[in-house]
Amino acid sequence: MTTELVIAGPRHALLPQLSLLRRIYLPRTADAAAFAMTTYGIPLIVLATTGSAALTGLAFALEWVPRLAAFSLAGAMVDRHGTKRVFRIASVLRALVVLAAAFLLPQVSGAAATVTVMALAAVTGVVTEFSYIAAETAGATASRDAGERAHRVQSVLLGIDQTATLAGPAAAGFLLHWAGVTGTLVTIAACSLLGALLAPWHREPRQVDPDASTLTGLATGWKTLISLPALAWLIAGLTVSNVATGMLQAAAPIIVVQHFGYSSAAVGVIWSAAAAASLLTVACCRFAIDRVGLWPTGAASALVAAAAGLAVSQVGTYTQFLVLTAVLMAGEGGMTVVLRTLRSHLIPEQVFGATLGVTILVMLLPFPLAGILVALTPSALLGHVLTACAALQAIGLTAAFWRLRREPAMRDRHPAAT
């Protein structure tokens, strides 16, 4: 990988001559590791500390609900103060929070321990989104600077995320078993501090007005999204698709444990297989986009995801469920490469953080809704609801990619930045 000289924003300051590995990929790896271990490890810590399944589920909600609320604020902060500063501050805060919990939990018990772990879930959920938005913005700038190689940069970044998703649950479970709660939290803090030390280096875009409010940033992000038809239609299709994906993720423990009679560990095997399938798809999409462009690659991925979604709702065995879930997530992975490549080219640099926050917020809204739907649906009817959601997914993806077939940004192999 070649080293390159990158010119900073309006001051034209020279950044260190560092490779993409050092500037972008290593900080992203450290943050992704902390992200995955926090997301999957803290509910396990709550369960180990409180012994309550209900509180474990509540902790998962406390991680995600503040995250959804933090996206627009995080995007505005990145646009206002720059990616490196936001990334470093968020990483340090996460490390301090988990270290404080590691110190407090051995000293307390009962209600105090419960309050500590629930607060840990909520606070880490918020600060993790700030570091994620900052890292994603840095990656998008690197993609834009890469020109025709943008999709290759995005495939590496997505590969890092998928690898963390694959290893994060296993690492958290292993650490909790062998090193206890304290060892797990210290490891998360170490990954966070490593990310803060590395911090992404890249050309910072022109910063927005520092006096602009968060609501202004949210409005700017929304206006930018709807002004880009190709991106707006792709986001719409993926959001509808996420209703089925979220429903599947929320219902998987019930289906695997209650319907198929397997242990909860078998649920983790499914998501590890899905992450592995997504990694393989990401590697294939890199070459597919080179040869046929964004739309054919995205349409093929959508077809795979829609077909697998319809099939998985009809399965009768655990093996079938595992294989088809992995195929579904592989299709989702292919569409994600297309989304991230298109997003890095089309969103103007100076409002990228705010627009990114809006797009992620919109795409993740189906997940808590899916959780509520699973909670309200009798176990015996889950299959029917999954089928309905899969049909909605197929309709949504078909409509989106049919509309996108004439969009120049999707038809070109390497869409030009606006």
Protein backbone atom coordinates (compact mmCIF):
# COMPACT_ATOMS: atom_id res chain seq x y z
CA MET A 1 0.00 0.00 0.00
CA THR A 2 1.49 3.29 -1.05
CA THR A 3 1.95 6.26 1.18
CA GLU A 4 0.42 9.53 0.11
CA LEU A 5 0.51 13.20 1.02
CA VAL A 6 -2.87 14.59 1.98
CA ILE A 7 -3.77 18.25 1.98
CA ALA A 8 -5.88 19.51 4.85
CA GLY A 9 -8.93 21.74 4.44
CA PRO A 10 -8.82 25.50 4.27
CA ARG A 11 -5.46 25.89 5.97
CA HIS A 12 -3.71 23.64 3.45
CA ALA A 13 -1.71 22.10 6.27
CA LEU A 14 0.20 18.96 5.42
CA LEU A 15 -0.79 15.81 7.24
CA PRO A 16 1.86 13.19 8.00
CA GLN A 17 2.75 10.96 5.05
CA LEU A 18 0.98 7.88 6.35
CA SER A 19 -0.57 4.94 4.55
CA LEU A 20 -4.29 4.24 4.57
CA LEU A 21 -3.51 1.40 6.94
CA ARG A 22 -2.21 3.78 9.59
CA ARG A 23 -4.46 6.75 8.86
CA ILE A 24 -7.81 5.01 8.48
CA TYR A 25 -7.80 1.23 8.85
CA LEU A 26 -5.98 0.81 12.20
CA PRO A 27 -8.07 3.42 14.07
CA ARG A 28 -11.21 1.90 12.57
CA THR A 29 -10.11 -1.59 13.71
CA ALA A 30 -9.54 -0.47 17.30
CA ASP A 31 -12.86 1.35 17.41
CA ALA A 32 -14.76 -1.53 15.78
CA ALA A 33 -13.34 -3.93 18.36
CA ALA A 34 -14.45 -1.68 21.21
CA PHE A 35 -17.81 -1.15 19.50
CA ALA A 36 -18.51 -4.88 19.07
CA MET A 37 -17.33 -5.86 22.54
CA THR A 38 -19.41 -3.08 24.09
CA THR A 39 -22.55 -3.98 22.12
CA TYR A 40 -22.39 -7.71 22.83
CA GLY A 41 -20.39 -7.74 26.06
CA ILE A 42 -22.32 -5.30 28.23
CA PRO A 43 -25.64 -7.25 28.07
CA LEU A 44 -23.62 -10.31 29.13
CA ILE A 45 -22.13 -8.30 31.98
CA VAL A 46 -25.61 -7.20 33.02
CA LEU A 47 -26.75 -10.82 33.05
CA ALA A 48 -23.67 -11.91 35.01
CA THR A 49 -24.13 -9.08 37.52
CA THR A 50 -27.90 -9.10 38.01
CA GLY A 51 -28.91 -12.62 36.93
CA SER A 52 -32.02 -11.09 35.36
CA ALA A 53 -33.03 -11.82 31.75
CA ALA A 54 -35.46 -8.89 31.83
CA LEU A 55 -32.74 -6.45 32.87
CA THR A 56 -30.46 -7.90 30.20
CA GLY A 57 -33.06 -7.09 27.55
CA LEU A 58 -33.56 -3.64 29.05
CA ALA A 59 -29.80 -3.06 28.93
CA PHE A 60 -29.82 -3.88 25.21
CA ALA A 61 -32.57 -1.29 24.74
CA LEU A 62 -30.64 1.23 26.82
CA GLU A 63 -27.67 0.75 24.51
CA TRP A 64 -29.67 1.32 21.34
CA VAL A 65 -32.26 3.95 22.19
CA PRO A 66 -29.66 6.57 23.23
CA ARG A 67 -27.63 5.62 20.15
CA LEU A 68 -30.52 6.48 17.88
CA ALA A 69 -30.94 9.79 19.67
CA ALA A 70 -27.20 10.51 19.44
CA PHE A 71 -26.76 10.05 15.69
CA SER A 72 -27.85 13.52 14.60
CA LEU A 73 -25.92 15.21 17.42
CA ALA A 74 -22.81 13.16 16.61
CA GLY A 75 -23.02 14.09 12.93
CA ALA A 76 -23.37 17.77 13.76
CA MET A 77 -20.39 17.62 16.14
CA VAL A 78 -18.21 15.95 13.50
CA ASP A 79 -19.13 18.58 10.92
CA ARG A 80 -18.47 21.34 13.45
CA HIS A 81 -15.29 20.16 15.19
CA GLY A 82 -13.70 17.62 12.84
CA THR A 83 -13.42 13.86 12.88
CA LYS A 84 -10.14 13.46 14.72
CA ARG A 85 -11.15 15.57 17.70
CA VAL A 86 -14.59 13.94 18.08
CA PHE A 87 -13.16 10.44 17.60
CA ARG A 88 -10.45 10.97 20.21
CA ILE A 89 -12.74 12.55 22.82
CA ALA A 90 -15.40 9.84 22.39
CA SER A 91 -12.82 7.04 22.65
CA VAL A 92 -11.30 8.50 25.82
CA LEU A 93 -14.73 9.01 27.40
CA ARG A 94 -15.70 5.41 26.66
CA ALA A 95 -12.47 4.20 28.24
CA LEU A 96 -13.03 6.32 31.36
CA VAL A 97 -16.63 5.13 31.73
CA VAL A 98 -15.82 1.42 31.49
CA LEU A 99 -12.78 1.79 33.77
CA ALA A 100 -14.97 3.53 36.34
CA ALA A 101 -17.44 0.64 36.11
CA ALA A 102 -14.60 -1.88 36.42
CA PHE A 103 -13.55 -0.15 39.64
CA LEU A 104 -17.06 0.23 41.09
CA LEU A 105 -18.66 -3.13 40.35
CA PRO A 106 -16.42 -5.20 42.70
CA GLN A 107 -17.22 -2.71 45.47
CA VAL A 108 -21.02 -2.70 45.23
CA SER A 109 -23.89 -5.20 45.07
CA GLY A 110 -27.67 -5.34 44.80
CA ALA A 111 -29.40 -2.21 43.58
CA ALA A 112 -26.14 -0.26 43.33
CA ALA A 113 -24.64 -2.86 41.00
CA THR A 114 -27.79 -2.85 38.90
CA VAL A 115 -27.75 0.94 38.56
CA THR A 116 -24.05 0.85 37.67
CA VAL A 117 -24.38 -1.66 34.83
CA MET A 118 -27.52 -0.04 33.43
CA ALA A 119 -25.83 3.36 33.42
CA LEU A 120 -22.82 1.74 31.78
CA ALA A 121 -25.05 0.43 28.97
CA ALA A 122 -26.67 3.81 28.35
CA VAL A 123 -23.53 5.96 28.46
CA THR A 124 -21.35 3.67 26.35
CA GLY A 125 -24.17 3.46 23.79
CA VAL A 126 -24.04 7.22 23.31
CA VAL A 127 -20.28 7.77 23.17
CA THR A 128 -19.82 4.76 20.89
CA GLU A 129 -21.98 6.44 18.25
CA PHE A 130 -19.81 9.57 18.33
CA SER A 131 -16.66 7.56 17.62
CA TYR A 132 -18.48 5.53 14.94
CA ILE A 133 -19.76 8.59 13.07
CA ALA A 134 -16.30 10.16 13.23
CA ALA A 135 -14.62 6.99 11.94
CA GLU A 136 -17.21 6.59 9.17
CA THR A 137 -16.73 10.22 8.09
CA ALA A 138 -12.96 9.74 7.94
CA GLY A 139 -13.45 6.60 5.86
CA ALA A 140 -15.79 8.43 3.48
CA THR A 141 -13.24 11.20 2.94
CA ALA A 142 -10.57 8.60 2.22
CA SER A 143 -12.95 6.95 -0.26
CA ARG A 144 -13.62 10.25 -1.98
CA ASP A 145 -9.92 10.93 -2.27
CA ALA A 146 -9.41 7.44 -3.70
CA GLY A 147 -11.57 8.30 -6.72
CA GLU A 148 -12.15 5.18 -8.81
CA ARG A 149 -10.85 3.01 -5.97
CA ALA A 150 -13.52 4.27 -3.54
CA HIS A 151 -15.39 0.97 -3.40
CA ARG A 152 -12.15 -0.81 -2.50
CA VAL A 153 -11.65 1.46 0.50
CA GLN A 154 -15.26 0.88 1.54
CA SER A 155 -14.94 -2.89 1.14
CA VAL A 156 -11.93 -2.89 3.49
CA LEU A 157 -13.81 -0.76 6.04
CA LEU A 158 -16.87 -2.99 5.86
CA GLY A 159 -14.61 -6.04 6.17
CA ILE A 160 -13.17 -4.56 9.37
CA ASP A 161 -16.68 -4.02 10.74
CA GLN A 162 -17.83 -7.52 9.81
CA THR A 163 -14.72 -9.10 11.32
CA ALA A 164 -15.39 -7.22 14.55
CA THR A 165 -19.01 -8.41 14.45
CA LEU A 166 -17.76 -11.96 13.96
CA ALA A 167 -15.15 -11.82 16.75
CA GLY A 168 -16.79 -9.39 19.19
CA PRO A 169 -19.42 -11.71 20.73
CA ALA A 170 -16.94 -14.58 21.02
CA ALA A 171 -14.26 -12.36 22.56
CA ALA A 172 -16.69 -10.85 25.06
CA GLY A 173 -17.98 -14.27 26.10
CA PHE A 174 -14.46 -15.68 26.40
CA LEU A 175 -13.21 -12.76 28.47
CA LEU A 176 -16.22 -12.79 30.74
CA HIS A 177 -15.73 -16.51 31.38
CA TRP A 178 -11.96 -16.44 31.94
CA ALA A 179 -11.22 -12.88 33.12
CA GLY A 180 -14.50 -11.89 34.72
CA VAL A 181 -16.35 -8.60 34.50
CA THR A 182 -13.29 -6.53 35.42
CA GLY A 183 -11.07 -8.15 32.80
CA THR A 184 -13.73 -7.67 30.11
CA LEU A 185 -14.17 -3.99 30.92
CA VAL A 186 -10.43 -3.37 31.06
CA THR A 187 -10.05 -4.93 27.62
CA ILE A 188 -12.78 -2.68 26.19
CA ALA A 189 -11.04 0.31 27.75
CA ALA A 190 -7.71 -0.77 26.23
CA CYS A 191 -9.25 -0.96 22.74
CA SER A 192 -10.81 2.48 23.24
CA LEU A 193 -7.53 4.03 24.38
CA LEU A 194 -5.69 2.42 21.46
CA GLY A 195 -8.22 3.98 19.11
CA ALA A 196 -7.75 7.39 20.77
CA LEU A 197 -3.98 7.05 20.44
CA LEU A 198 -4.14 6.13 16.75
CA ALA A 199 -7.03 8.47 15.77
CA PRO A 200 -7.82 8.83 12.05
CA TRP A 201 -5.66 11.21 10.05
CA HIS A 202 -7.17 12.58 6.86
CA ARG A 203 -7.99 15.73 4.95
CA GLU A 204 -10.59 17.54 7.05
CA PRO A 205 -13.37 19.18 5.05
CA ARG A 206 -14.35 22.78 5.67
CA GLN A 207 -16.10 23.00 9.04
CA VAL A 208 -19.65 24.30 9.37
CA ASP A 209 -20.64 27.35 11.37
CA PRO A 210 -19.69 26.59 15.00
CA ASP A 211 -22.79 28.46 16.18
CA ALA A 212 -25.15 26.20 14.22
CA SER A 213 -27.50 24.17 16.44
CA THR A 214 -27.97 20.42 16.41
CA LEU A 215 -31.46 20.90 14.97
CA THR A 216 -29.93 22.91 12.17
CA GLY A 217 -27.51 20.07 11.47
CA LEU A 218 -30.39 17.58 11.48
CA ALA A 219 -32.37 19.73 9.05
CA THR A 220 -29.31 20.15 6.84
CA GLY A 221 -28.71 16.41 6.77
CA TRP A 222 -32.33 15.70 5.88
CA LYS A 223 -32.39 18.33 3.10
CA THR A 224 -29.15 16.95 1.71
CA LEU A 225 -30.53 13.40 1.68
CA ILE A 226 -33.74 14.26 -0.15
CA SER A 227 -31.78 16.35 -2.67
CA LEU A 228 -29.88 13.21 -3.75
CA PRO A 229 -32.47 10.92 -5.41
CA ALA A 230 -30.14 7.95 -5.90
CA LEU A 231 -29.12 7.92 -2.25
CA ALA A 232 -32.65 8.63 -0.99
CA TRP A 233 -34.15 5.72 -2.93
CA LEU A 234 -31.41 3.34 -1.83
CA ILE A 235 -31.89 4.38 1.81
CA ALA A 236 -35.66 3.90 1.46
CA GLY A 237 -35.25 0.39 0.07
CA LEU A 238 -32.78 -0.62 2.75
CA THR A 239 -34.96 0.83 5.51
CA VAL A 240 -37.91 -1.27 4.38
CA SER A 241 -35.57 -4.27 4.14
CA ASN A 242 -34.42 -3.66 7.71
CA VAL A 243 -37.95 -4.34 8.96
CA ALA A 244 -37.48 -7.99 7.94
CA THR A 245 -33.84 -8.09 9.07
CA GLY A 246 -34.67 -6.59 12.47
CA MET A 247 -37.60 -8.93 12.89
CA LEU A 248 -35.37 -11.90 12.13
CA GLN A 249 -32.70 -10.75 14.60
CA ALA A 250 -35.23 -10.12 17.36
CA ALA A 251 -37.08 -13.40 16.78
CA ALA A 252 -34.01 -15.63 16.32
CA PRO A 253 -33.59 -16.54 20.03
CA ILE A 254 -37.25 -17.53 20.28
CA ILE A 255 -37.15 -19.54 17.06
CA VAL A 256 -33.89 -21.33 17.85
CA VAL A 257 -34.49 -22.04 21.54
CA GLN A 258 -38.26 -22.56 21.71
CA HIS A 259 -39.15 -23.82 18.23
CA PHE A 260 -36.04 -25.84 17.36
CA GLY A 261 -35.01 -26.76 20.91
CA TYR A 262 -31.38 -25.62 20.69
CA SER A 263 -29.36 -23.74 23.30
CA SER A 264 -28.78 -20.00 23.30
CA ALA A 265 -25.21 -20.67 22.11
CA ALA A 266 -26.68 -21.88 18.81
CA VAL A 267 -28.04 -18.38 18.25
CA GLY A 268 -24.49 -17.00 18.39
CA VAL A 269 -23.39 -19.59 15.83
CA ILE A 270 -25.99 -18.24 13.41
CA TRP A 271 -24.71 -14.66 13.63
CA SER A 272 -21.07 -15.78 13.38
CA ALA A 273 -21.96 -17.69 10.20
CA ALA A 274 -23.83 -14.64 8.92
CA ALA A 275 -20.84 -12.39 9.57
CA ALA A 276 -18.53 -14.82 7.77
CA ALA A 277 -20.88 -14.91 4.77
CA SER A 278 -20.96 -11.10 4.74
CA LEU A 279 -17.15 -10.96 4.75
CA LEU A 280 -17.02 -13.22 1.71
CA THR A 281 -19.64 -11.11 -0.05
CA VAL A 282 -17.76 -7.90 0.65
CA ALA A 283 -14.65 -9.35 -1.00
CA CYS A 284 -16.67 -10.46 -4.05
CA CYS A 285 -18.45 -7.10 -4.37
CA ARG A 286 -15.14 -5.29 -4.63
CA PHE A 287 -14.42 -7.11 -7.89
CA ALA A 288 -18.05 -7.05 -9.07
CA ILE A 289 -18.25 -3.26 -8.85
CA ASP A 290 -14.98 -3.01 -10.79
CA ARG A 291 -16.45 -5.05 -13.64
CA VAL A 292 -20.17 -4.30 -13.83
CA GLY A 293 -20.78 -1.21 -11.67
CA LEU A 294 -22.93 -0.29 -8.68
CA TRP A 295 -26.47 -0.98 -9.92
CA PRO A 296 -25.96 -4.57 -11.14
CA THR A 297 -24.03 -5.43 -7.98
CA GLY A 298 -26.67 -3.87 -5.73
CA ALA A 299 -29.58 -5.38 -7.65
CA ALA A 300 -28.04 -8.87 -7.49
CA SER A 301 -27.45 -8.48 -3.75
CA ALA A 302 -31.05 -7.29 -3.27
CA LEU A 303 -32.35 -10.31 -5.19
CA VAL A 304 -30.34 -12.67 -2.97
CA ALA A 305 -31.51 -10.93 0.23
CA ALA A 306 -35.18 -10.89 -0.83
CA ALA A 307 -35.20 -14.54 -1.91
CA ALA A 308 -33.44 -15.67 1.29
CA GLY A 309 -35.79 -13.58 3.42
CA LEU A 310 -38.84 -15.25 1.91
CA ALA A 311 -37.27 -18.69 2.24
CA VAL A 312 -36.06 -18.34 5.83
CA SER A 313 -39.58 -17.60 7.05
CA GLN A 314 -40.66 -21.05 5.81
CA VAL A 315 -37.85 -23.24 7.21
CA GLY A 316 -38.46 -26.18 9.50
CA THR A 317 -34.96 -27.05 10.77
CA TYR A 318 -32.12 -25.28 12.52
CA THR A 319 -29.64 -26.03 9.72
CA GLN A 320 -31.94 -24.50 7.11
CA PHE A 321 -32.46 -21.47 9.34
CA LEU A 322 -28.69 -21.00 9.79
CA VAL A 323 -27.86 -21.32 6.08
CA LEU A 324 -30.63 -19.05 4.83
CA THR A 325 -29.95 -16.42 7.49
CA ALA A 326 -26.31 -16.38 6.41
CA VAL A 327 -27.38 -15.98 2.75
CA LEU A 328 -29.74 -13.15 3.71
CA MET A 329 -27.01 -11.30 5.58
CA ALA A 330 -24.61 -11.88 2.68
CA GLY A 331 -27.09 -10.08 0.41
CA GLU A 332 -27.36 -7.29 2.98
CA GLY A 333 -23.57 -7.03 3.03
CA GLY A 334 -23.44 -6.57 -0.73
CA MET A 335 -26.02 -3.78 -0.61
CA THR A 336 -24.09 -2.13 2.21
CA VAL A 337 -20.93 -1.93 0.07
CA VAL A 338 -22.98 -0.24 -2.66
CA LEU A 339 -24.57 2.15 -0.14
CA ARG A 340 -21.31 3.17 1.44
CA THR A 341 -19.61 3.69 -1.91
CA LEU A 342 -22.49 5.81 -3.23
CA ARG A 343 -22.74 7.73 0.04
CA SER A 344 -19.04 8.62 0.06
CA HIS A 345 -19.30 10.04 -3.48
CA LEU A 346 -22.59 11.92 -3.38
CA ILE A 347 -22.76 13.61 0.04
CA PRO A 348 -20.90 16.96 0.11
CA GLU A 349 -17.94 16.91 2.47
CA GLN A 350 -18.97 19.88 4.59
CA VAL A 351 -22.28 18.26 5.60
CA PHE A 352 -21.24 14.62 5.49
CA GLY A 353 -21.46 14.02 9.24
CA ALA A 354 -24.97 15.48 9.59
CA THR A 355 -26.25 13.61 6.52
CA LEU A 356 -24.62 10.37 7.63
CA GLY A 357 -26.29 10.69 11.02
CA VAL A 358 -29.70 11.14 9.37
CA THR A 359 -29.23 8.17 7.02
CA ILE A 360 -28.19 5.86 9.86
CA LEU A 361 -31.03 7.08 12.06
CA VAL A 362 -33.59 6.38 9.32
CA MET A 363 -32.16 2.93 8.54
CA LEU A 364 -32.04 1.82 12.19
CA LEU A 365 -35.57 2.90 13.15
CA PRO A 366 -37.03 -0.47 12.05
CA PHE A 367 -34.94 -2.35 14.63
CA PRO A 368 -36.63 -1.13 17.83
CA LEU A 369 -39.96 -1.37 15.99
CA ALA A 370 -39.14 -4.99 15.14
CA GLY A 371 -38.39 -5.68 18.80
CA ILE A 372 -41.78 -4.28 19.82
CA LEU A 373 -43.46 -6.37 17.11
CA VAL A 374 -41.79 -9.54 18.39
CA ALA A 375 -42.82 -8.71 21.96
CA LEU A 376 -46.46 -8.28 20.89
CA THR A 377 -46.63 -11.36 18.64
CA PRO A 378 -47.53 -14.76 20.12
CA SER A 379 -44.76 -17.27 19.57
CA ALA A 380 -46.96 -19.49 17.41
CA LEU A 381 -47.59 -16.63 14.96
CA LEU A 382 -43.98 -15.51 14.52
CA GLY A 383 -43.61 -17.46 11.27
CA HIS A 384 -46.57 -15.65 9.70
CA VAL A 385 -45.26 -12.24 10.76
CA LEU A 386 -41.80 -13.11 9.40
CA THR A 387 -43.39 -14.05 6.07
CA ALA A 388 -45.27 -10.75 5.90
CA CYS A 389 -42.10 -8.80 6.70
CA ALA A 390 -40.14 -10.77 4.09
CA ALA A 391 -42.79 -9.96 1.47
CA LEU A 392 -42.54 -6.27 2.43
CA GLN A 393 -38.76 -6.52 2.11
CA ALA A 394 -39.03 -8.01 -1.40
CA ILE A 395 -41.49 -5.31 -2.51
CA GLY A 396 -39.39 -2.50 -1.03
CA LEU A 397 -36.12 -3.65 -2.58
CA THR A 398 -37.75 -4.29 -5.96
CA ALA A 399 -39.30 -0.81 -6.01
CA ALA A 400 -36.06 0.87 -4.95
CA PHE A 401 -33.77 -0.83 -7.44
CA TRP A 402 -36.33 -0.53 -10.25
CA ARG A 403 -36.32 3.24 -9.64
CA LEU A 404 -32.54 3.32 -9.35
CA ARG A 405 -31.94 1.60 -12.70
CA ARG A 406 -31.96 4.97 -14.52
CA GLU A 407 -29.96 6.95 -11.95
CA PRO A 408 -26.60 7.99 -13.47
CA ALA A 409 -24.86 7.65 -10.11
CA MET A 410 -25.88 3.99 -9.97
CA ARG A 411 -25.26 3.19 -13.62
CA ASP A 412 -21.71 4.52 -13.65
CA ARG A 413 -19.04 2.21 -12.32
CA HIS A 414 -17.43 5.07 -10.43
CA PRO A 415 -20.00 7.78 -9.64
CA ALA A 416 -18.65 11.29 -9.56
CA ALA A 417 -18.73 13.31 -6.38
CA THR A 418 -21.06 16.24 -6.22
